[in-house]
Protein backbone atom coordinates (compact mmCIF):
# COMPACT_ATOMS: atom_id res chain seq x y z
CA MET A 1 9.61 10.28 15.92
CA ALA A 2 6.27 10.94 14.32
CA LEU A 3 4.21 8.91 11.89
CA TYR A 4 3.85 10.59 8.49
CA GLU A 5 1.48 9.86 5.63
CA ILE A 6 3.03 10.68 2.26
CA GLU A 7 0.75 10.68 -0.76
CA THR A 8 2.29 10.65 -4.22
CA ASN A 9 0.76 10.43 -7.65
CA ALA A 10 1.08 6.62 -7.42
CA HIS A 11 1.27 5.60 -3.74
CA ILE A 12 0.25 6.33 -0.19
CA MET A 13 3.11 5.60 2.20
CA VAL A 14 3.15 5.66 5.98
CA GLY A 15 6.40 5.81 7.87
CA TRP A 16 8.27 7.12 10.88
CA ALA A 17 10.41 10.25 10.55
CA ASN A 18 11.74 12.99 12.80
CA THR A 19 10.65 15.76 10.46
CA GLN A 20 8.45 16.30 7.41
CA GLU A 21 11.61 16.78 5.34
CA GLU A 22 12.89 13.34 6.41
CA ALA A 23 9.54 11.81 5.46
CA GLU A 24 9.69 13.46 2.02
CA HIS A 25 13.30 12.31 1.56
CA ALA A 26 12.38 8.70 2.41
CA ALA A 27 9.55 8.77 -0.13
CA GLN A 28 11.79 10.24 -2.85
CA GLU A 29 14.55 7.75 -2.06
CA ASN A 30 12.23 4.74 -2.36
CA TYR A 31 10.06 6.03 -5.23
CA PRO A 32 12.12 8.63 -7.12
CA GLU A 33 9.73 8.65 -10.08
CA ASP A 34 6.76 9.68 -7.89
CA GLU A 35 5.59 13.25 -7.43
CA ILE A 36 4.78 14.07 -3.80
CA LEU A 37 1.27 15.49 -3.54
CA ARG A 38 0.76 15.66 0.22
CA VAL A 39 2.64 15.01 3.47
CA THR A 40 0.64 14.83 6.69
CA ARG A 41 1.82 14.18 10.21
CA ARG A 42 -0.54 11.59 11.67
CA PRO A 43 -2.18 12.62 14.96
CA ARG A 44 -1.75 9.16 16.45
CA ASP A 45 0.96 6.52 16.52
CA MET A 46 -0.76 4.07 14.21
CA TRP A 47 -2.26 3.77 10.76
CA VAL A 48 -5.66 2.12 10.51
CA ILE A 49 -7.31 0.64 7.43
CA SER A 50 -10.93 -0.42 7.72
CA LYS A 51 -11.35 -4.01 6.52
CA ARG A 52 -15.11 -3.48 6.42
CA LEU A 53 -14.63 -0.52 4.07
CA LEU A 54 -12.57 -2.78 1.78
CA GLY A 55 -15.24 -5.50 1.92
CA ILE A 56 -13.05 -7.93 3.87
CA GLU A 57 -14.81 -9.98 6.51
CA GLY A 58 -13.45 -12.57 8.89
CA HIS A 59 -9.85 -13.62 9.44
CA THR A 60 -7.51 -13.52 6.46
CA GLU A 61 -3.99 -14.82 6.06
CA PRO A 62 -1.38 -13.00 3.98
CA CYS A 63 -0.96 -14.37 0.48
CA ASP A 64 2.63 -14.69 -0.77
CA MET A 65 1.54 -14.45 -4.42
CA ALA A 66 -0.43 -11.24 -3.82
CA ARG A 67 2.47 -9.74 -1.88
CA GLU A 68 4.88 -10.66 -4.66
CA CYS A 69 2.58 -8.98 -7.20
CA LEU A 70 2.41 -5.84 -5.03
CA PHE A 71 6.20 -5.82 -4.79
CA ARG A 72 6.65 -6.26 -8.54
CA ALA A 73 4.10 -3.49 -9.14
CA SER A 74 5.91 -1.17 -6.69
CA GLY A 75 2.72 -0.94 -4.68
CA ASP A 76 0.55 0.12 -7.63
CA LYS A 77 -2.72 -1.63 -6.79
CA VAL A 78 -4.16 -1.72 -10.31
CA HIS A 79 -0.94 -3.11 -11.80
CA ALA A 80 -0.70 -5.65 -8.96
CA ILE A 81 -4.25 -6.82 -9.70
CA ARG A 82 -3.32 -7.33 -13.36
CA LEU A 83 -0.19 -9.27 -12.40
CA TYR A 84 -2.19 -11.43 -9.99
CA MET A 85 -4.77 -12.20 -12.66
CA ARG A 86 -2.04 -13.14 -15.14
CA ASP A 87 -0.04 -15.23 -12.67
CA THR A 88 -2.95 -17.11 -11.08
CA GLY A 89 -5.74 -17.08 -13.66
CA ALA A 90 -8.06 -15.43 -11.12
CA ASP A 91 -10.88 -13.23 -12.36
CA LEU A 92 -10.95 -9.48 -11.67
CA HIS A 93 -13.04 -9.74 -8.50
CA GLU A 94 -10.86 -12.49 -6.98
CA ALA A 95 -7.66 -10.65 -7.87
CA GLN A 96 -8.91 -7.36 -6.46
CA LEU A 97 -9.94 -9.03 -3.21
CA ALA A 98 -6.57 -10.81 -2.89
CA ILE A 99 -4.55 -7.65 -3.51
CA GLU A 100 -6.67 -5.36 -1.31
CA THR A 101 -6.75 -7.92 1.50
CA ASN A 102 -2.98 -8.12 1.47
CA MET A 103 -2.67 -4.35 1.37
CA SER A 104 -4.83 -4.19 4.49
CA VAL A 105 -2.64 -6.66 6.41
CA GLY A 106 0.55 -4.95 5.27
CA TRP A 107 2.79 -6.15 2.52
């Protein structure tokens, strides 16, 4: 199995599949409303997100509220930030940091 990166108009997904067609099918099955823009077979067996690039420093623990907002937003970061702000009363900067931090540790 290979690791594939599937970019749609709304998401970037990473998952294991035997073929590019299987990767596309998995994306369409989970997000049928999305339009697939790009499918790339990853050259290595892992996906890496730079915490430094996201402005995250030090150790962070997953936040259940941020993960719930990401789930309710179907992974749409901007919508998840809005939900987090509404649900917690956090300001934009705090909400963005919470959502992006949880995206970096996997939700």
